[in-house]
Each structure stands twice: as structure tokens, then as C-alpha cells.
Amino acid sequence: MIVFHSAFSRKNVNSRLFSNIRGLPGLEFRISNYGFSYISLFASPVISDEIKRIRFPLTEQCFQQLKGCITIRNLYIARYRCPQLVSIIPTPPKRLTIIVRNFDVSATIQLTVHRASKGYPYMKVFRCHVSIGYTDVLIQNGGFVGNIFNTQFRVRLLIQ
């Protein structure tokens, strides 16, 4: 919903404009290819800021063969290279494709744009493809088991 502040008062505008009911007066706008290019310029810093703020939930995996469980806590992204390309492209019908490319992580996400029953728009992920080119894992304060992982398995993980 678009909110008008001081450009004009509500006295000069039909109150139905603010009711957000389909079929009543409202605003519709179309974004050109240049508009999507302009939006893509702002998307890169927003994506970079959000990725740095991600905190992953507690993860636990139990193995019957080992008769034990591995729990991962406080998982976060410590080093991150900003995307080299962020592009937002309209694709028919009523879809947006967001492309984020980098040497480390690349993602292509297709969103569909729908109108909710109340009339406001919402987006839903239609298709998502992510490829990870380089990953580094380091266990800090892991004690003896962490040291074994860092010296033995970390090298194998980096080679793959």
C-alpha cells in the first residue's frame, strides 16, 4: 500500500482509495527495464547486510553407528565476499527472477507475485537454485575433537 504524507491531505482524496479493496479506485504502476536495473543497484548492499546478520538455528544429528549425536551451535557466516552481480528481472507470467552471482555462492531465485484475499500483494518462492563453489569450516574451542577435525577432515572438505 502506498501512503501519502504531506503531498496532499486526505480531504482532497476519495477515502475509498485507502481501503485497499479490489475493484475500487487505486493505483497501478508498471516498472520498466530501466527501473529494474535501478532496483538491482540497491539490492546488492541490502543482500550483503542481511547475509552478515543471518544466525542459524541449533542443529543436531544423531548417528546410530557412533551411538552419539553431533550438535552445532552458534553457526554464523564469518567471512563473506560481496556478490559481483545482483540482477532483478521480470519474467512472465507475474514472476520476478533474482540472480546473485559470486565466486563463492551463486543463487537464482524465481518469485511469483500474487494478490492476497485482502488485496495486498505478496511474493512466493517458485524456484530456487543455489551453488556453493567454496566453503571453509573451522571449529573453534572444540577441544580434542575439534583439533582432530581441523587437522584431518577440514583439508578433505576444502579439496572437495
N, C-alpha and C. Protein backbone atom coordinates (compact mmCIF):
# COMPACT_ATOMS: atom_id res chain seq x y z
N MET A 1 0.84 -1.18 0.00
CA MET A 1 0.00 0.00 0.00
C MET A 1 0.88 1.23 0.00
N ILE A 2 0.54 2.21 -0.78
CA ILE A 2 1.29 3.45 -0.86
C ILE A 2 0.64 4.45 0.08
N VAL A 3 1.44 5.06 0.94
CA VAL A 3 0.93 6.03 1.90
C VAL A 3 1.42 7.40 1.48
N PHE A 4 0.50 8.33 1.39
CA PHE A 4 0.83 9.70 1.03
C PHE A 4 0.91 10.53 2.30
N HIS A 5 2.00 11.25 2.47
CA HIS A 5 2.18 12.02 3.70
C HIS A 5 1.73 13.46 3.51
N SER A 6 2.66 14.32 3.21
CA SER A 6 2.33 15.74 3.18
C SER A 6 2.09 16.27 1.77
N ALA A 7 2.11 15.40 0.76
CA ALA A 7 1.90 15.88 -0.60
C ALA A 7 0.49 16.46 -0.75
N PHE A 8 -0.47 15.84 -0.14
CA PHE A 8 -1.84 16.36 -0.13
C PHE A 8 -2.55 15.74 1.07
N SER A 9 -3.63 16.34 1.45
CA SER A 9 -4.37 15.83 2.62
C SER A 9 -5.42 14.84 2.17
N ARG A 10 -5.93 14.05 3.10
CA ARG A 10 -6.97 13.07 2.79
C ARG A 10 -8.29 13.75 2.42
N LYS A 11 -8.42 15.01 2.75
CA LYS A 11 -9.65 15.73 2.42
C LYS A 11 -9.83 15.84 0.91
N ASN A 12 -8.72 15.92 0.18
CA ASN A 12 -8.77 16.10 -1.26
C ASN A 12 -8.87 14.77 -2.02
N VAL A 13 -8.85 13.64 -1.30
CA VAL A 13 -8.81 12.33 -1.94
C VAL A 13 -10.00 11.50 -1.46
N ASN A 14 -10.56 10.73 -2.37
CA ASN A 14 -11.65 9.84 -2.02
C ASN A 14 -11.15 8.82 -0.99
N SER A 15 -11.87 8.64 0.10
CA SER A 15 -11.44 7.74 1.18
C SER A 15 -11.38 6.28 0.73
N ARG A 16 -12.10 5.93 -0.32
CA ARG A 16 -12.05 4.55 -0.83
C ARG A 16 -10.67 4.20 -1.37
N LEU A 17 -9.89 5.20 -1.74
CA LEU A 17 -8.54 4.95 -2.24
C LEU A 17 -7.68 4.26 -1.19
N PHE A 18 -7.93 4.52 0.08
CA PHE A 18 -7.12 3.96 1.16
C PHE A 18 -7.70 2.67 1.73
N SER A 19 -8.81 2.17 1.20
CA SER A 19 -9.46 0.98 1.76
C SER A 19 -8.85 -0.32 1.26
N ASN A 20 -8.08 -0.30 0.18
CA ASN A 20 -7.38 -1.46 -0.35
C ASN A 20 -8.33 -2.61 -0.69
N ILE A 21 -9.45 -2.30 -1.31
CA ILE A 21 -10.41 -3.31 -1.74
C ILE A 21 -10.35 -3.39 -3.26
N ARG A 22 -10.20 -4.62 -3.77
CA ARG A 22 -10.07 -4.83 -5.20
C ARG A 22 -11.33 -4.36 -5.92
N GLY A 23 -11.13 -3.66 -7.02
CA GLY A 23 -12.24 -3.16 -7.81
C GLY A 23 -12.58 -1.72 -7.52
N LEU A 24 -12.12 -1.20 -6.39
CA LEU A 24 -12.35 0.20 -6.05
C LEU A 24 -11.17 1.02 -6.58
N PRO A 25 -11.26 2.34 -6.52
CA PRO A 25 -10.16 3.16 -7.02
C PRO A 25 -8.84 2.81 -6.35
N GLY A 26 -7.77 2.94 -7.08
CA GLY A 26 -6.45 2.62 -6.55
C GLY A 26 -5.38 3.05 -7.51
N LEU A 27 -4.18 2.65 -7.24
CA LEU A 27 -3.04 2.98 -8.08
C LEU A 27 -2.46 1.71 -8.68
N GLU A 28 -2.07 1.78 -9.92
CA GLU A 28 -1.39 0.68 -10.57
C GLU A 28 -0.20 1.27 -11.29
N PHE A 29 0.92 0.62 -11.19
CA PHE A 29 2.09 1.15 -11.88
C PHE A 29 2.87 0.02 -12.52
N ARG A 30 3.62 0.36 -13.53
CA ARG A 30 4.42 -0.59 -14.27
C ARG A 30 5.88 -0.15 -14.18
N ILE A 31 6.77 -1.08 -13.91
CA ILE A 31 8.19 -0.77 -13.79
C ILE A 31 8.87 -1.18 -15.09
N SER A 32 9.61 -0.27 -15.70
CA SER A 32 10.30 -0.55 -16.95
C SER A 32 11.59 -1.31 -16.68
N ASN A 33 12.26 -1.74 -17.75
CA ASN A 33 13.54 -2.44 -17.61
C ASN A 33 14.58 -1.56 -16.93
N TYR A 34 14.55 -0.26 -17.21
CA TYR A 34 15.48 0.66 -16.54
C TYR A 34 15.19 0.73 -15.04
N GLY A 35 13.92 0.65 -14.69
CA GLY A 35 13.55 0.64 -13.27
C GLY A 35 14.09 -0.59 -12.56
N PHE A 36 14.01 -1.76 -13.22
CA PHE A 36 14.57 -2.97 -12.61
C PHE A 36 16.09 -2.90 -12.51
N SER A 37 16.73 -2.28 -13.49
CA SER A 37 18.19 -2.08 -13.40
C SER A 37 18.54 -1.20 -12.22
N TYR A 38 17.75 -0.17 -12.00
CA TYR A 38 17.97 0.75 -10.88
C TYR A 38 17.76 0.04 -9.55
N ILE A 39 16.72 -0.79 -9.46
CA ILE A 39 16.45 -1.56 -8.24
C ILE A 39 17.59 -2.54 -7.98
N SER A 40 18.15 -3.13 -9.04
CA SER A 40 19.25 -4.09 -8.88
C SER A 40 20.47 -3.45 -8.24
N LEU A 41 20.70 -2.16 -8.51
CA LEU A 41 21.83 -1.46 -7.89
C LEU A 41 21.70 -1.40 -6.37
N PHE A 42 20.48 -1.24 -5.88
CA PHE A 42 20.26 -1.15 -4.43
C PHE A 42 20.19 -2.52 -3.77
N ALA A 43 19.94 -3.57 -4.55
CA ALA A 43 19.76 -4.90 -3.97
C ALA A 43 21.06 -5.47 -3.42
N SER A 44 22.19 -5.19 -4.06
CA SER A 44 23.47 -5.76 -3.62
C SER A 44 23.84 -5.39 -2.19
N PRO A 45 23.82 -4.10 -1.79
CA PRO A 45 24.15 -3.80 -0.40
C PRO A 45 23.13 -4.35 0.60
N VAL A 46 21.87 -4.42 0.21
CA VAL A 46 20.85 -4.97 1.11
C VAL A 46 21.11 -6.45 1.34
N ILE A 47 21.40 -7.19 0.28
CA ILE A 47 21.69 -8.62 0.40
C ILE A 47 22.93 -8.84 1.25
N SER A 48 23.98 -8.05 1.04
CA SER A 48 25.21 -8.18 1.82
C SER A 48 24.95 -7.95 3.30
N ASP A 49 24.18 -6.94 3.63
CA ASP A 49 23.87 -6.65 5.04
C ASP A 49 23.06 -7.78 5.68
N GLU A 50 22.10 -8.32 4.94
CA GLU A 50 21.26 -9.37 5.50
C GLU A 50 22.03 -10.68 5.70
N ILE A 51 22.93 -11.01 4.77
CA ILE A 51 23.71 -12.24 4.90
C ILE A 51 24.61 -12.18 6.13
N LYS A 52 25.18 -11.03 6.39
CA LYS A 52 26.05 -10.89 7.57
C LYS A 52 25.27 -11.03 8.87
N ARG A 53 23.97 -10.75 8.85
CA ARG A 53 23.16 -10.81 10.07
C ARG A 53 22.51 -12.17 10.30
N ILE A 54 22.63 -13.10 9.37
CA ILE A 54 21.99 -14.41 9.50
C ILE A 54 22.57 -15.16 10.69
N ARG A 55 21.70 -15.73 11.50
CA ARG A 55 22.09 -16.62 12.59
C ARG A 55 21.34 -17.94 12.36
N PHE A 56 22.08 -19.02 12.29
CA PHE A 56 21.48 -20.32 12.01
C PHE A 56 20.99 -20.97 13.29
N PRO A 57 19.89 -21.70 13.23
CA PRO A 57 19.36 -22.34 14.45
C PRO A 57 20.22 -23.53 14.87
N LEU A 58 20.02 -23.96 16.09
CA LEU A 58 20.71 -25.12 16.64
C LEU A 58 20.40 -26.33 15.77
N THR A 59 21.42 -27.10 15.42
CA THR A 59 21.26 -28.27 14.58
C THR A 59 21.83 -29.48 15.31
N GLU A 60 21.09 -30.58 15.29
CA GLU A 60 21.57 -31.80 15.94
C GLU A 60 21.33 -32.98 15.02
N GLN A 61 22.36 -33.81 14.86
CA GLN A 61 22.27 -35.01 14.03
C GLN A 61 22.78 -36.18 14.84
N CYS A 62 21.97 -37.22 14.98
CA CYS A 62 22.36 -38.40 15.75
C CYS A 62 22.73 -39.53 14.79
N PHE A 63 23.75 -40.30 15.15
CA PHE A 63 24.25 -41.41 14.35
C PHE A 63 24.18 -42.69 15.18
N GLN A 64 23.44 -43.68 14.71
CA GLN A 64 23.33 -44.94 15.44
C GLN A 64 24.64 -45.71 15.41
N GLN A 65 25.39 -45.58 14.30
CA GLN A 65 26.65 -46.29 14.19
C GLN A 65 27.65 -45.83 15.25
N LEU A 66 27.65 -44.54 15.55
CA LEU A 66 28.57 -43.98 16.53
C LEU A 66 27.98 -43.96 17.93
N LYS A 67 26.70 -44.25 18.03
CA LYS A 67 25.97 -44.20 19.30
C LYS A 67 26.17 -42.84 19.98
N GLY A 68 25.94 -41.81 19.18
CA GLY A 68 26.08 -40.46 19.71
C GLY A 68 25.49 -39.44 18.76
N CYS A 69 25.55 -38.19 19.17
CA CYS A 69 24.97 -37.10 18.39
C CYS A 69 25.99 -35.98 18.22
N ILE A 70 25.85 -35.25 17.14
CA ILE A 70 26.65 -34.05 16.90
C ILE A 70 25.69 -32.87 16.94
N THR A 71 26.03 -31.87 17.74
CA THR A 71 25.21 -30.67 17.86
C THR A 71 26.01 -29.48 17.39
N ILE A 72 25.41 -28.67 16.53
CA ILE A 72 26.07 -27.46 16.02
C ILE A 72 25.35 -26.26 16.61
N ARG A 73 26.09 -25.41 17.31
CA ARG A 73 25.54 -24.19 17.90
C ARG A 73 26.34 -23.00 17.42
N ASN A 74 25.73 -21.85 17.52
CA ASN A 74 26.39 -20.58 17.20
C ASN A 74 27.02 -20.59 15.81
N LEU A 75 26.34 -21.18 14.85
CA LEU A 75 26.83 -21.20 13.48
C LEU A 75 26.51 -19.86 12.83
N TYR A 76 27.51 -19.22 12.24
CA TYR A 76 27.32 -17.94 11.58
C TYR A 76 28.31 -17.79 10.44
N ILE A 77 28.09 -16.81 9.60
CA ILE A 77 28.97 -16.53 8.47
C ILE A 77 29.99 -15.50 8.92
N ALA A 78 31.25 -15.91 8.99
CA ALA A 78 32.30 -15.02 9.49
C ALA A 78 32.93 -14.20 8.37
N ARG A 79 33.22 -14.83 7.26
CA ARG A 79 33.81 -14.13 6.12
C ARG A 79 32.87 -14.28 4.93
N TYR A 80 32.70 -13.19 4.25
CA TYR A 80 31.73 -13.19 3.15
C TYR A 80 32.21 -12.23 2.08
N ARG A 81 32.23 -12.68 0.86
CA ARG A 81 32.60 -11.83 -0.27
C ARG A 81 31.32 -11.30 -0.90
N CYS A 82 31.23 -10.00 -1.09
CA CYS A 82 30.03 -9.37 -1.65
C CYS A 82 29.75 -9.91 -3.05
N PRO A 83 28.48 -10.00 -3.43
CA PRO A 83 28.16 -10.51 -4.77
C PRO A 83 28.68 -9.58 -5.86
N GLN A 84 29.15 -10.18 -6.94
CA GLN A 84 29.65 -9.39 -8.06
C GLN A 84 28.52 -8.97 -8.99
N LEU A 85 27.44 -9.73 -8.99
CA LEU A 85 26.30 -9.40 -9.84
C LEU A 85 25.02 -9.66 -9.07
N VAL A 86 24.18 -8.66 -9.00
CA VAL A 86 22.82 -8.83 -8.48
C VAL A 86 21.89 -8.26 -9.53
N SER A 87 20.98 -9.10 -10.00
CA SER A 87 20.09 -8.67 -11.06
C SER A 87 18.66 -9.09 -10.71
N ILE A 88 17.73 -8.18 -10.88
CA ILE A 88 16.31 -8.46 -10.68
C ILE A 88 15.63 -8.27 -12.02
N ILE A 89 15.04 -9.35 -12.53
CA ILE A 89 14.48 -9.35 -13.88
C ILE A 89 13.02 -9.80 -13.82
N PRO A 90 12.11 -9.08 -14.49
CA PRO A 90 10.73 -9.58 -14.56
C PRO A 90 10.64 -10.71 -15.58
N THR A 91 9.96 -11.78 -15.21
CA THR A 91 9.74 -12.90 -16.13
C THR A 91 8.26 -13.23 -16.13
N PRO A 92 7.67 -13.38 -17.31
CA PRO A 92 6.25 -13.67 -17.36
C PRO A 92 5.98 -15.10 -16.91
N PRO A 93 4.81 -15.44 -16.45
CA PRO A 93 3.73 -14.54 -16.05
C PRO A 93 3.83 -14.19 -14.57
N LYS A 94 3.84 -12.94 -14.25
CA LYS A 94 3.82 -12.42 -12.87
C LYS A 94 4.93 -13.00 -12.00
N ARG A 95 6.15 -13.06 -12.55
CA ARG A 95 7.28 -13.60 -11.79
C ARG A 95 8.43 -12.62 -11.80
N LEU A 96 9.23 -12.70 -10.76
CA LEU A 96 10.48 -11.95 -10.67
C LEU A 96 11.60 -12.96 -10.52
N THR A 97 12.69 -12.77 -11.23
CA THR A 97 13.87 -13.61 -11.08
C THR A 97 14.96 -12.77 -10.45
N ILE A 98 15.50 -13.26 -9.34
CA ILE A 98 16.60 -12.58 -8.66
C ILE A 98 17.84 -13.44 -8.85
N ILE A 99 18.88 -12.86 -9.43
CA ILE A 99 20.12 -13.58 -9.69
C ILE A 99 21.22 -12.94 -8.85
N VAL A 100 21.90 -13.75 -8.05
CA VAL A 100 23.03 -13.29 -7.24
C VAL A 100 24.20 -14.17 -7.61
N ARG A 101 25.25 -13.58 -8.16
CA ARG A 101 26.40 -14.36 -8.62
C ARG A 101 27.67 -13.91 -7.91
N ASN A 102 28.50 -14.89 -7.61
CA ASN A 102 29.75 -14.65 -6.93
C ASN A 102 30.64 -15.87 -7.18
N PHE A 103 31.91 -15.79 -6.82
CA PHE A 103 32.77 -16.96 -6.95
C PHE A 103 32.43 -18.01 -5.89
N ASP A 104 32.02 -17.57 -4.72
CA ASP A 104 31.77 -18.50 -3.62
C ASP A 104 30.36 -19.08 -3.67
N VAL A 105 29.36 -18.24 -3.74
CA VAL A 105 27.97 -18.69 -3.72
C VAL A 105 27.20 -17.98 -4.83
N SER A 106 26.42 -18.74 -5.58
CA SER A 106 25.56 -18.16 -6.61
C SER A 106 24.14 -18.66 -6.38
N ALA A 107 23.17 -17.80 -6.62
CA ALA A 107 21.77 -18.19 -6.42
C ALA A 107 20.90 -17.58 -7.51
N THR A 108 19.94 -18.35 -7.97
CA THR A 108 18.90 -17.86 -8.86
C THR A 108 17.57 -18.21 -8.22
N ILE A 109 16.77 -17.20 -7.94
CA ILE A 109 15.50 -17.39 -7.23
C ILE A 109 14.38 -16.80 -8.08
N GLN A 110 13.33 -17.57 -8.31
CA GLN A 110 12.17 -17.07 -9.03
C GLN A 110 11.03 -16.90 -8.04
N LEU A 111 10.44 -15.72 -8.04
CA LEU A 111 9.33 -15.40 -7.16
C LEU A 111 8.08 -15.19 -7.99
N THR A 112 6.94 -15.62 -7.48
CA THR A 112 5.67 -15.28 -8.11
C THR A 112 5.00 -14.22 -7.26
N VAL A 113 4.36 -13.29 -7.93
CA VAL A 113 3.67 -12.20 -7.24
C VAL A 113 2.18 -12.48 -7.30
N HIS A 114 1.54 -12.52 -6.13
CA HIS A 114 0.11 -12.81 -6.04
C HIS A 114 -0.59 -11.68 -5.30
N ARG A 115 -1.89 -11.68 -5.42
CA ARG A 115 -2.71 -10.74 -4.66
C ARG A 115 -3.44 -11.54 -3.59
N ALA A 116 -3.29 -11.13 -2.34
CA ALA A 116 -3.95 -11.80 -1.22
C ALA A 116 -5.45 -11.51 -1.24
N SER A 117 -6.21 -12.25 -0.46
CA SER A 117 -7.65 -12.05 -0.43
C SER A 117 -8.04 -10.65 0.04
N LYS A 118 -7.19 -10.03 0.85
CA LYS A 118 -7.46 -8.66 1.32
C LYS A 118 -7.04 -7.62 0.29
N GLY A 119 -6.34 -8.04 -0.78
CA GLY A 119 -5.98 -7.11 -1.83
C GLY A 119 -4.52 -6.72 -1.88
N TYR A 120 -3.75 -6.98 -0.84
CA TYR A 120 -2.35 -6.57 -0.86
C TYR A 120 -1.51 -7.63 -1.58
N PRO A 121 -0.40 -7.23 -2.19
CA PRO A 121 0.44 -8.19 -2.91
C PRO A 121 1.34 -8.98 -1.94
N TYR A 122 1.64 -10.21 -2.32
CA TYR A 122 2.62 -10.99 -1.58
C TYR A 122 3.42 -11.83 -2.57
N MET A 123 4.63 -12.23 -2.17
CA MET A 123 5.51 -12.99 -3.05
C MET A 123 5.72 -14.39 -2.49
N LYS A 124 5.87 -15.34 -3.40
CA LYS A 124 6.07 -16.73 -3.03
C LYS A 124 7.23 -17.27 -3.87
N VAL A 125 8.14 -18.04 -3.25
CA VAL A 125 9.27 -18.61 -3.99
C VAL A 125 8.74 -19.71 -4.90
N PHE A 126 9.03 -19.57 -6.20
CA PHE A 126 8.56 -20.52 -7.20
C PHE A 126 9.66 -21.54 -7.51
N ARG A 127 10.88 -21.07 -7.65
CA ARG A 127 12.02 -21.92 -7.98
C ARG A 127 13.27 -21.32 -7.36
N CYS A 128 14.18 -22.17 -6.88
CA CYS A 128 15.40 -21.68 -6.25
C CYS A 128 16.55 -22.63 -6.59
N HIS A 129 17.66 -22.07 -7.04
CA HIS A 129 18.87 -22.86 -7.33
C HIS A 129 20.06 -22.15 -6.70
N VAL A 130 20.79 -22.87 -5.86
CA VAL A 130 21.96 -22.31 -5.19
C VAL A 130 23.14 -23.23 -5.45
N SER A 131 24.28 -22.65 -5.83
CA SER A 131 25.50 -23.44 -5.97
C SER A 131 26.59 -22.82 -5.10
N ILE A 132 27.29 -23.68 -4.38
CA ILE A 132 28.35 -23.23 -3.48
C ILE A 132 29.67 -23.69 -4.06
N GLY A 133 30.52 -22.73 -4.39
CA GLY A 133 31.80 -23.04 -5.01
C GLY A 133 32.91 -23.25 -4.00
N TYR A 134 32.89 -22.57 -2.88
CA TYR A 134 33.97 -22.66 -1.89
C TYR A 134 33.39 -22.53 -0.50
N THR A 135 33.77 -23.46 0.37
CA THR A 135 33.32 -23.43 1.75
C THR A 135 34.49 -23.78 2.65
N ASP A 136 34.61 -23.08 3.75
CA ASP A 136 35.65 -23.36 4.73
C ASP A 136 34.99 -23.52 6.08
N VAL A 137 35.31 -24.60 6.78
CA VAL A 137 34.74 -24.86 8.09
C VAL A 137 35.87 -24.93 9.10
N LEU A 138 35.71 -24.23 10.20
CA LEU A 138 36.72 -24.23 11.27
C LEU A 138 35.99 -24.36 12.60
N ILE A 139 36.42 -25.32 13.40
CA ILE A 139 35.83 -25.50 14.73
C ILE A 139 36.72 -24.77 15.73
N GLN A 140 36.11 -23.82 16.44
CA GLN A 140 36.83 -23.07 17.47
C GLN A 140 36.37 -23.54 18.84
N ASN A 141 37.29 -23.62 19.78
CA ASN A 141 37.00 -24.06 21.15
C ASN A 141 36.33 -25.43 21.17
N GLY A 142 36.77 -26.32 20.28
CA GLY A 142 36.18 -27.65 20.19
C GLY A 142 36.94 -28.71 20.96
N GLY A 143 38.01 -28.31 21.62
CA GLY A 143 38.79 -29.27 22.40
C GLY A 143 39.51 -30.26 21.51
N PHE A 144 39.69 -31.46 22.03
CA PHE A 144 40.44 -32.50 21.33
C PHE A 144 39.75 -32.90 20.03
N VAL A 145 38.43 -33.09 20.06
CA VAL A 145 37.68 -33.48 18.86
C VAL A 145 37.74 -32.38 17.80
N GLY A 146 37.65 -31.13 18.22
CA GLY A 146 37.75 -30.01 17.29
C GLY A 146 39.11 -29.94 16.62
N ASN A 147 40.17 -30.21 17.38
CA ASN A 147 41.52 -30.22 16.80
C ASN A 147 41.67 -31.34 15.78
N ILE A 148 41.12 -32.51 16.07
CA ILE A 148 41.18 -33.63 15.11
C ILE A 148 40.45 -33.25 13.83
N PHE A 149 39.26 -32.67 13.96
CA PHE A 149 38.51 -32.26 12.77
C PHE A 149 39.29 -31.23 11.97
N ASN A 150 39.81 -30.21 12.63
CA ASN A 150 40.51 -29.14 11.93
C ASN A 150 41.75 -29.64 11.21
N THR A 151 42.47 -30.62 11.77
CA THR A 151 43.70 -31.10 11.12
C THR A 151 43.45 -32.16 10.07
N GLN A 152 42.42 -33.01 10.25
CA GLN A 152 42.19 -34.13 9.34
C GLN A 152 41.09 -33.87 8.31
N PHE A 153 39.90 -33.60 8.80
CA PHE A 153 38.73 -33.54 7.92
C PHE A 153 38.59 -32.21 7.20
N ARG A 154 39.10 -31.15 7.78
CA ARG A 154 38.99 -29.82 7.15
C ARG A 154 39.72 -29.80 5.81
N VAL A 155 40.89 -30.43 5.75
CA VAL A 155 41.65 -30.49 4.49
C VAL A 155 40.85 -31.24 3.44
N ARG A 156 40.23 -32.35 3.81
CA ARG A 156 39.42 -33.12 2.86
C ARG A 156 38.21 -32.33 2.38
N LEU A 157 37.59 -31.58 3.28
CA LEU A 157 36.43 -30.77 2.92
C LEU A 157 36.83 -29.68 1.92
N LEU A 158 37.97 -29.05 2.13
CA LEU A 158 38.42 -27.98 1.23
C LEU A 158 38.78 -28.52 -0.15
N ILE A 159 39.30 -29.74 -0.22
CA ILE A 159 39.67 -30.33 -1.51
C ILE A 159 38.43 -30.65 -2.33
N GLN A 160 37.36 -31.10 -1.67
CA GLN A 160 36.14 -31.46 -2.39
C GLN A 160 35.48 -30.22 -2.90
